[in-house]
C-alpha atoms as a PDB file:
ATOM      1  CA  UNK A   1      81.609 115.617  36.339  1.00  0.00           C
ATOM      2  CA  UNK A   2      81.483 119.263  35.644  1.00  0.00           C
ATOM      3  CA  UNK A   3      84.954 120.053  33.827  1.00  0.00           C
ATOM      4  CA  UNK A   4      86.978 117.552  31.904  1.00  0.00           C
ATOM      5  CA  UNK A   5      90.141 119.788  31.516  1.00  0.00           C
ATOM      6  CA  UNK A   6      92.358 117.063  33.704  1.00  0.00           C
ATOM      7  CA  UNK A   7      91.559 114.248  31.894  1.00  0.00           C
ATOM      8  CA  UNK A   8      93.653 112.868  28.578  1.00  0.00           C
ATOM      9  CA  UNK A   9      91.493 112.371  25.376  1.00  0.00           C
ATOM     10  CA  UNK A  10      91.990 108.891  26.368  1.00  0.00           C
ATOM     11  CA  UNK A  11      90.719 108.703  29.231  1.00  0.00           C
ATOM     12  CA  UNK A  12      87.712 110.937  28.385  1.00  0.00           C
ATOM     13  CA  UNK A  13      86.761 108.766  25.553  1.00  0.00           C
ATOM     14  CA  UNK A  14      87.363 105.816  27.926  1.00  0.00           C
ATOM     15  CA  UNK A  15      84.476 107.826  30.448  1.00  0.00           C
ATOM     16  CA  UNK A  16      81.966 108.739  27.993  1.00  0.00           C
ATOM     17  CA  UNK A  17      81.552 105.718  25.766  1.00  0.00           C
ATOM     18  CA  UNK A  18      81.066 103.574  29.083  1.00  0.00           C
ATOM     19  CA  UNK A  19      78.519 105.924  30.890  1.00  0.00           C
ATOM     20  CA  UNK A  20      75.300 104.410  30.563  1.00  0.00           C
ATOM     21  CA  UNK A  21      73.496 107.762  29.935  1.00  0.00           C
ATOM     22  CA  UNK A  22      75.126 111.124  28.904  1.00  0.00           C
ATOM     23  CA  UNK A  23      72.920 113.798  31.069  1.00  0.00           C
ATOM     24  CA  UNK A  24      72.512 117.136  29.183  1.00  0.00           C
ATOM     25  CA  UNK A  25      74.895 118.710  31.430  1.00  0.00           C
ATOM     26  CA  UNK A  26      77.599 116.269  30.624  1.00  0.00           C
ATOM     27  CA  UNK A  27      77.090 117.224  26.609  1.00  0.00           C
ATOM     28  CA  UNK A  28      77.284 120.844  27.580  1.00  0.00           C
ATOM     29  CA  UNK A  29      80.522 120.754  29.436  1.00  0.00           C
ATOM     30  CA  UNK A  30      82.007 118.298  26.486  1.00  0.00           C
ATOM     31  CA  UNK A  31      80.837 121.264  23.995  1.00  0.00           C
ATOM     32  CA  UNK A  32      83.112 123.572  26.521  1.00  0.00           C
ATOM     33  CA  UNK A  33      85.834 121.174  26.093  1.00  0.00           C
ATOM     34  CA  UNK A  34      88.565 123.208  23.538  1.00  0.00           C
ATOM     35  CA  UNK A  35      89.544 120.306  22.252  1.00  0.00           C
ATOM     36  CA  UNK A  36      88.469 118.658  19.141  1.00  0.00           C
ATOM     37  CA  UNK A  37      88.363 115.240  19.718  1.00  0.00           C
ATOM     38  CA  UNK A  38      86.082 115.952  22.619  1.00  0.00           C
ATOM     39  CA  UNK A  39      84.173 117.291  19.844  1.00  0.00           C
ATOM     40  CA  UNK A  40      84.396 114.271  17.918  1.00  0.00           C
ATOM     41  CA  UNK A  41      83.326 112.232  21.369  1.00  0.00           C
ATOM     42  CA  UNK A  42      80.001 113.971  21.334  1.00  0.00           C
ATOM     43  CA  UNK A  43      78.995 112.526  17.389  1.00  0.00           C
ATOM     44  CA  UNK A  44      80.503 109.522  18.216  1.00  0.00           C
ATOM     45  CA  UNK A  45      78.174 109.129  21.278  1.00  0.00           C
ATOM     46  CA  UNK A  46      75.379 110.060  19.542  1.00  0.00           C
ATOM     47  CA  UNK A  47      76.155 107.284  17.150  1.00  0.00           C
ATOM     48  CA  UNK A  48      76.887 104.823  19.585  1.00  0.00           C
ATOM     49  CA  UNK A  49      73.021 105.849  21.396  1.00  0.00           C
ATOM     50  CA  UNK A  50      71.765 105.567  17.943  1.00  0.00           C
ATOM     51  CA  UNK A  51      72.780 102.380  17.251  1.00  0.00           C
ATOM     52  CA  UNK A  52      71.469 100.864  20.313  1.00  0.00           C
ATOM     53  CA  UNK A  53      68.020 102.563  19.780  1.00  0.00           C
ATOM     54  CA  UNK A  54      67.788 100.919  17.029  1.00  0.00           C
ATOM     55  CA  UNK A  55      68.829  97.483  18.479  1.00  0.00           C
ATOM     56  CA  UNK A  56      66.310  98.082  21.046  1.00  0.00           C
ATOM     57  CA  UNK A  57      63.635  98.513  18.750  1.00  0.00           C
ATOM     58  CA  UNK A  58      64.624  95.280  16.600  1.00  0.00           C
ATOM     59  CA  UNK A  59      64.611  93.101  19.440  1.00  0.00           C
ATOM     60  CA  UNK A  60      61.611  94.498  20.350  1.00  0.00           C
ATOM     61  CA  UNK A  61      59.779  93.652  17.217  1.00  0.00           C
ATOM     62  CA  UNK A  62      60.994  90.188  17.688  1.00  0.00           C
ATOM     63  CA  UNK A  63      59.402  89.638  20.735  1.00  0.00           C
ATOM     64  CA  UNK A  64      55.539  90.834  19.613  1.00  0.00           C
ATOM     65  CA  UNK A  65      54.631  87.215  19.469  1.00  0.00           C
ATOM     66  CA  UNK A  66      56.223  86.375  23.084  1.00  0.00           C
ATOM     67  CA  UNK A  67      55.061  89.530  24.419  1.00  0.00           C
ATOM     68  CA  UNK A  68      50.940  88.380  23.320  1.00  0.00           C
ATOM     69  CA  UNK A  69      52.000  85.322  25.208  1.00  0.00           C
ATOM     70  CA  UNK A  70      53.582  86.436  28.539  1.00  0.00           C
ATOM     71  CA  UNK A  71      50.224  88.987  28.654  1.00  0.00           C
ATOM     72  CA  UNK A  72      47.815  85.952  28.131  1.00  0.00           C
ATOM     73  CA  UNK A  73      49.392  84.005  31.053  1.00  0.00           C
ATOM     74  CA  UNK A  74      51.920  81.784  29.151  1.00  0.00           C
ATOM     75  CA  UNK A  75      54.982  81.954  30.925  1.00  0.00           C
ATOM     76  CA  UNK A  76      56.986  78.913  29.354  1.00  0.00           C
ATOM     77  CA  UNK A  77      57.117  79.555  25.572  1.00  0.00           C
ATOM     78  CA  UNK A  78      59.350  77.263  23.689  1.00  0.00           C
ATOM     79  CA  UNK A  79      60.862  78.756  20.227  1.00  0.00           C
ATOM     80  CA  UNK A  80      61.781  75.652  18.001  1.00  0.00           C
ATOM     81  CA  UNK A  81      64.133  75.385  14.767  1.00  0.00           C
ATOM     82  CA  UNK A  82      66.155  73.169  13.015  1.00  0.00           C
ATOM     83  CA  UNK A  83      69.499  72.862  10.696  1.00  0.00           C
ATOM     84  CA  UNK A  84      70.011  70.392   8.214  1.00  0.00           C
ATOM     85  CA  UNK A  85      67.284  70.234   5.825  1.00  0.00           C
ATOM     86  CA  UNK A  86      69.343  70.595   2.934  1.00  0.00           C
ATOM     87  CA  UNK A  87      73.155  68.864   3.400  1.00  0.00           C
ATOM     88  CA  UNK A  88      73.359  65.719   1.311  1.00  0.00           C
ATOM     89  CA  UNK A  89      75.540  64.414   4.621  1.00  0.00           C
ATOM     90  CA  UNK A  90      75.168  64.533   8.080  1.00  0.00           C
ATOM     91  CA  UNK A  91      72.447  64.846  10.658  1.00  0.00           C
ATOM     92  CA  UNK A  92      69.278  67.046  11.278  1.00  0.00           C
ATOM     93  CA  UNK A  93      69.496  68.668  14.239  1.00  0.00           C
ATOM     94  CA  UNK A  94      67.006  70.989  16.099  1.00  0.00           C
ATOM     95  CA  UNK A  95      66.998  73.343  18.954  1.00  0.00           C
ATOM     96  CA  UNK A  96      63.902  74.674  21.548  1.00  0.00           C
ATOM     97  CA  UNK A  97      64.377  77.452  23.681  1.00  0.00           C
ATOM     98  CA  UNK A  98      62.483  79.073  26.722  1.00  0.00           C
ATOM     99  CA  UNK A  99      63.742  83.140  26.736  1.00  0.00           C
ATOM    100  CA  UNK A 100      62.939  84.420  30.304  1.00  0.00           C
ATOM    101  CA  UNK A 101      60.065  86.719  29.878  1.00  0.00           C
ATOM    102  CA  UNK A 102      61.227  90.018  28.346  1.00  0.00           C
ATOM    103  CA  UNK A 103      64.121  88.761  27.612  1.00  0.00           C
ATOM    104  CA  UNK A 104      66.535  90.476  24.653  1.00  0.00           C
ATOM    105  CA  UNK A 105      70.004  89.080  23.564  1.00  0.00           C
ATOM    106  CA  UNK A 106      72.003  91.783  21.915  1.00  0.00           C
ATOM    107  CA  UNK A 107      72.787  90.696  17.999  1.00  0.00           C
ATOM    108  CA  UNK A 108      70.743  87.863  18.465  1.00  0.00           C
ATOM    109  CA  UNK A 109      68.876  87.129  14.810  1.00  0.00           C
ATOM    110  CA  UNK A 110      68.408  84.560  12.064  1.00  0.00           C
ATOM    111  CA  UNK A 111      71.395  82.488  12.151  1.00  0.00           C
ATOM    112  CA  UNK A 112      71.516  82.414   8.439  1.00  0.00           C
ATOM    113  CA  UNK A 113      72.139  86.318   8.868  1.00  0.00           C
ATOM    114  CA  UNK A 114      75.053  86.173  11.302  1.00  0.00           C
ATOM    115  CA  UNK A 115      78.860  84.902  10.734  1.00  0.00           C
ATOM    116  CA  UNK A 116      80.145  82.050  12.038  1.00  0.00           C
ATOM    117  CA  UNK A 117      81.777  83.804  14.688  1.00  0.00           C
ATOM    118  CA  UNK A 118      79.010  85.869  16.095  1.00  0.00           C
ATOM    119  CA  UNK A 119      77.007  82.605  16.143  1.00  0.00           C
ATOM    120  CA  UNK A 120      79.165  81.010  18.804  1.00  0.00           C
ATOM    121  CA  UNK A 121      79.345  83.613  20.794  1.00  0.00           C
ATOM    122  CA  UNK A 122      75.820  84.176  20.716  1.00  0.00           C
ATOM    123  CA  UNK A 123      75.367  80.025  21.423  1.00  0.00           C
ATOM    124  CA  UNK A 124      77.190  81.026  24.660  1.00  0.00           C
ATOM    125  CA  UNK A 125      75.021  83.844  25.994  1.00  0.00           C
ATOM    126  CA  UNK A 126      72.137  82.140  24.607  1.00  0.00           C
ATOM    127  CA  UNK A 127      72.797  78.856  26.934  1.00  0.00           C
ATOM    128  CA  UNK A 128      73.756  81.306  30.165  1.00  0.00           C
ATOM    129  CA  UNK A 129      70.474  83.167  29.353  1.00  0.00           C
ATOM    130  CA  UNK A 130      67.881  81.070  28.086  1.00  0.00           C
ATOM    131  CA  UNK A 131      65.083  79.846  30.824  1.00  0.00           C
ATOM    132  CA  UNK A 132      65.933  76.464  29.591  1.00  0.00           C
ATOM    133  CA  UNK A 133      67.070  74.920  26.032  1.00  0.00           C
ATOM    134  CA  UNK A 134      67.011  71.518  24.646  1.00  0.00           C
ATOM    135  CA  UNK A 135      68.969  69.738  21.560  1.00  0.00           C
ATOM    136  CA  UNK A 136      67.897  67.032  19.732  1.00  0.00           C
ATOM    137  CA  UNK A 137      68.770  65.093  16.516  1.00  0.00           C
ATOM    138  CA  UNK A 138      67.670  62.475  13.764  1.00  0.00           C
ATOM    139  CA  UNK A 139      70.385  60.549  12.420  1.00  0.00           C
ATOM    140  CA  UNK A 140      71.329  60.204   8.243  1.00  0.00           C
ATOM    141  CA  UNK A 141      69.559  56.700   8.698  1.00  0.00           C
ATOM    142  CA  UNK A 142      66.489  58.161  10.023  1.00  0.00           C
ATOM    143  CA  UNK A 143      66.303  60.667   7.474  1.00  0.00           C
ATOM    144  CA  UNK A 144      67.176  57.709   4.268  1.00  0.00           C
ATOM    145  CA  UNK A 145      64.111  56.100   6.642  1.00  0.00           C
ATOM    146  CA  UNK A 146      61.664  58.476   7.416  1.00  0.00           C
ATOM    147  CA  UNK A 147      62.087  61.300   4.852  1.00  0.00           C
ATOM    148  CA  UNK A 148      63.794  64.580   5.560  1.00  0.00           C
ATOM    149  CA  UNK A 149      60.372  66.223   6.554  1.00  0.00           C
ATOM    150  CA  UNK A 150      59.552  63.855   9.373  1.00  0.00           C
ATOM    151  CA  UNK A 151      62.919  63.419  10.650  1.00  0.00           C
ATOM    152  CA  UNK A 152      63.145  67.256  11.077  1.00  0.00           C
ATOM    153  CA  UNK A 153      59.828  66.640  13.072  1.00  0.00           C
ATOM    154  CA  UNK A 154      61.545  64.213  15.077  1.00  0.00           C
ATOM    155  CA  UNK A 155      64.874  66.020  16.098  1.00  0.00           C
ATOM    156  CA  UNK A 156      62.182  68.712  17.265  1.00  0.00           C
ATOM    157  CA  UNK A 157      60.386  66.074  19.642  1.00  0.00           C
ATOM    158  CA  UNK A 158      63.400  65.107  21.012  1.00  0.00           C
ATOM    159  CA  UNK A 159      64.715  69.090  21.626  1.00  0.00           C
ATOM    160  CA  UNK A 160      61.530  69.421  23.073  1.00  0.00           C
ATOM    161  CA  UNK A 161      61.775  66.503  25.495  1.00  0.00           C
ATOM    162  CA  UNK A 162      65.139  67.644  26.615  1.00  0.00           C
ATOM    163  CA  UNK A 163      63.599  71.292  28.344  1.00  0.00           C
ATOM    164  CA  UNK A 164      63.692  71.251  31.758  1.00  0.00           C
ATOM    165  CA  UNK A 165      60.801  72.520  31.912  1.00  0.00           C
ATOM    166  CA  UNK A 166      57.757  71.740  30.203  1.00  0.00           C
ATOM    167  CA  UNK A 167      56.677  74.067  27.561  1.00  0.00           C
ATOM    168  CA  UNK A 168      53.100  75.653  27.785  1.00  0.00           C
ATOM    169  CA  UNK A 169      53.383  77.222  23.815  1.00  0.00           C
ATOM    170  CA  UNK A 170      55.539  76.670  21.035  1.00  0.00           C
ATOM    171  CA  UNK A 171      56.758  79.370  18.213  1.00  0.00           C
ATOM    172  CA  UNK A 172      57.858  76.899  15.417  1.00  0.00           C
ATOM    173  CA  UNK A 173      59.594  77.973  12.046  1.00  0.00           C
ATOM    174  CA  UNK A 174      57.949  77.046   9.221  1.00  0.00           C
ATOM    175  CA  UNK A 175      55.649  74.293   9.721  1.00  0.00           C
ATOM    176  CA  UNK A 176      53.191  73.566  12.805  1.00  0.00           C
ATOM    177  CA  UNK A 177      54.486  70.220  14.344  1.00  0.00           C
ATOM    178  CA  UNK A 178      52.193  66.895  14.746  1.00  0.00           C
ATOM    179  CA  UNK A 179      51.532  65.440  18.001  1.00  0.00           C
ATOM    180  CA  UNK A 180      52.876  68.912  19.593  1.00  0.00           C
ATOM    181  CA  UNK A 181      52.669  68.600  23.516  1.00  0.00           C
ATOM    182  CA  UNK A 182      51.012  71.633  23.774  1.00  0.00           C
ATOM    183  CA  UNK A 183      49.582  74.587  22.203  1.00  0.00           C
ATOM    184  CA  UNK A 184      51.682  75.767  19.209  1.00  0.00           C
ATOM    185  CA  UNK A 185      51.985  78.587  16.107  1.00  0.00           C
ATOM    186  CA  UNK A 186      53.872  78.130  13.152  1.00  0.00           C
ATOM    187  CA  UNK A 187      55.785  81.403  11.501  1.00  0.00           C
ATOM    188  CA  UNK A 188      56.901  81.315   8.343  1.00  0.00           C
ATOM    189  CA  UNK A 189      60.234  82.603   8.376  1.00  0.00           C
ATOM    190  CA  UNK A 190      59.775  82.772  11.944  1.00  0.00           C
ATOM    191  CA  UNK A 191      63.716  82.880  13.049  1.00  0.00           C
ATOM    192  CA  UNK A 192      63.613  86.190  11.784  1.00  0.00           C
ATOM    193  CA  UNK A 193      60.044  87.249  13.175  1.00  0.00           C
ATOM    194  CA  UNK A 194      60.131  85.920  17.025  1.00  0.00           C
ATOM    195  CA  UNK A 195      63.403  85.944  19.095  1.00  0.00           C
ATOM    196  CA  UNK A 196      62.739  82.628  20.284  1.00  0.00           C
ATOM    197  CA  UNK A 197      63.140  80.730  17.352  1.00  0.00           C
ATOM    198  CA  UNK A 198      65.540  83.005  16.194  1.00  0.00           C
ATOM    199  CA  UNK A 199      67.716  81.857  19.664  1.00  0.00           C
ATOM    200  CA  UNK A 200      66.905  78.124  18.474  1.00  0.00           C
ATOM    201  CA  UNK A 201      67.866  78.784  14.787  1.00  0.00           C
ATOM    202  CA  UNK A 202      71.532  79.752  16.569  1.00  0.00           C
ATOM    203  CA  UNK A 203      71.446  76.605  18.886  1.00  0.00           C
ATOM    204  CA  UNK A 204      70.530  74.205  16.023  1.00  0.00           C
ATOM    205  CA  UNK A 205      73.249  75.842  13.914  1.00  0.00           C
ATOM    206  CA  UNK A 206      76.282  75.702  15.923  1.00  0.00           C
ATOM    207  CA  UNK A 207      75.470  72.393  17.084  1.00  0.00           C
ATOM    208  CA  UNK A 208      75.158  70.849  13.869  1.00  0.00           C
ATOM    209  CA  UNK A 209      78.601  72.723  12.840  1.00  0.00           C
ATOM    210  CA  UNK A 210      80.322  70.961  15.703  1.00  0.00           C
ATOM    211  CA  UNK A 211      78.448  67.963  14.762  1.00  0.00           C
ATOM    212  CA  UNK A 212      80.127  68.107  11.225  1.00  0.00           C
ATOM    213  CA  UNK A 213      83.478  69.067  12.002  1.00  0.00           C
ATOM    214  CA  UNK A 214      83.796  65.338  14.015  1.00  0.00           C
ATOM    215  CA  UNK A 215      82.414  63.801  10.997  1.00  0.00           C
ATOM    216  CA  UNK A 216      85.025  65.560   8.846  1.00  0.00           C
ATOM    217  CA  UNK A 217      87.727  64.310  11.450  1.00  0.00           C
ATOM    218  CA  UNK A 218      86.202  60.930  10.626  1.00  0.00           C
ATOM    219  CA  UNK A 219      85.481  60.837   7.070  1.00  0.00           C
ATOM    220  CA  UNK A 220      88.027  63.225   5.788  1.00  0.00           C
ATOM    221  CA  UNK A 221      88.488  64.522   2.437  1.00  0.00           C
ATOM    222  CA  UNK A 222      84.565  65.929   1.637  1.00  0.00           C
ATOM    223  CA  UNK A 223      85.249  69.045   3.541  1.00  0.00           C
ATOM    224  CA  UNK A 224      82.345  68.568   5.961  1.00  0.00           C
ATOM    225  CA  UNK A 225      83.888  71.269   8.256  1.00  0.00           C
ATOM    226  CA  UNK A 226      83.479  73.701   5.703  1.00  0.00           C
ATOM    227  CA  UNK A 227      80.559  72.606   3.587  1.00  0.00           C
ATOM    228  CA  UNK A 228      78.678  71.223   6.531  1.00  0.00           C
ATOM    229  CA  UNK A 229      77.349  68.456   3.983  1.00  0.00           C
ATOM    230  CA  UNK A 230      75.740  71.250   1.535  1.00  0.00           C
ATOM    231  CA  UNK A 231      76.260  70.196  -1.701  1.00  0.00           C
ATOM    232  CA  UNK A 232      79.173  72.453  -2.919  1.00  0.00           C
ATOM    233  CA  UNK A 233      81.398  72.335  -5.910  1.00  0.00           C
ATOM    234  CA  UNK A 234      84.414  70.779  -3.560  1.00  0.00           C
ATOM    235  CA  UNK A 235      81.641  68.245  -1.778  1.00  0.00           C
ATOM    236  CA  UNK A 236      80.406  67.244  -5.216  1.00  0.00           C
ATOM    237  CA  UNK A 237      84.176  66.917  -6.570  1.00  0.00           C
ATOM    238  CA  UNK A 238      84.952  64.584  -3.690  1.00  0.00           C
ATOM    239  CA  UNK A 239      81.946  62.797  -4.222  1.00  0.00           C
ATOM    240  CA  UNK A 240      82.912  61.957  -7.858  1.00  0.00           C
ATOM    241  CA  UNK A 241      86.393  61.165  -6.635  1.00  0.00           C
ATOM    242  CA  UNK A 242      85.466  59.234  -3.420  1.00  0.00           C
ATOM    243  CA  UNK A 243      81.874  57.728  -3.787  1.00  0.00           C
ATOM    244  CA  UNK A 244      79.833  58.551  -0.904  1.00  0.00           C
ATOM    245  CA  UNK A 245      80.640  57.615   2.835  1.00  0.00           C
ATOM    246  CA  UNK A 246      78.196  56.177   5.910  1.00  0.00           C
ATOM    247  CA  UNK A 247      76.970  59.320   6.327  1.00  0.00           C
ATOM    248  CA  UNK A 248      75.429  60.322   3.311  1.00  0.00           C
ATOM    249  CA  UNK A 249      71.880  60.446   2.464  1.00  0.00           C
ATOM    250  CA  UNK A 250      71.419  58.017  -0.093  1.00  0.00           C
ATOM    251  CA  UNK A 251      67.511  59.113  -0.467  1.00  0.00           C
ATOM    252  CA  UNK A 252      69.114  62.621  -1.680  1.00  0.00           C
ATOM    253  CA  UNK A 253      69.793  63.576  -5.038  1.00  0.00           C
ATOM    254  CA  UNK A 254      74.273  62.579  -4.580  1.00  0.00           C
ATOM    255  CA  UNK A 255      74.625  63.131  -8.340  1.00  0.00           C
ATOM    256  CA  UNK A 256      78.109  64.536  -8.688  1.00  0.00           C
ATOM    257  CA  UNK A 257      79.408  63.889 -12.382  1.00  0.00           C
END
């Protein structure tokens, strides 16, 4: 399109902002358009392109570990992470995710850096686009029996077992897994360094949040749907008033006076 004079500003904005790429010729035509709105569109489009490039670079940086493994012949690389080590109540949940080689999911990051709404959106996108994913959990009783560290590994083991394809290599957030089914590497802060681990962190967090919302219906009064079992002031006040419920981890410090 060499001229935009027959388009309203609304039509022009929709056309320019939805183009995959703005060529120098199109930008020159915009420059020649006498309307102020057309000039603003140029700046808006440039800002959008810059944001896209920054996001692309961020995702590429978070795929460094995976790319090295893909280049060395590993295809099924599972990122694994857990949610729920610190709460006073509820299960610990783990997720394992195998991304398609070269995959990049816009906006995917460490689940702690995302809003609840963004996590839910990414949850669906990860499930649709992952080569395989698995969820596993360890119950409150298992946490009390084993301790939270061992129970977290049990949840991870169960998540790996639910993958539809056997992983050839595992990237784990934090600590290496005992009795790993294949080669592995632990990354401290891995949910901010590896896209596969970040995907797992989102799945684990959202899945656990949904479990805690159900527990809130079963054991009302503790605010589980808001605090997700963490020791907030609201939660500790409820413990002081109601005492612990069957989902509270008795081996944790439940001091609330």
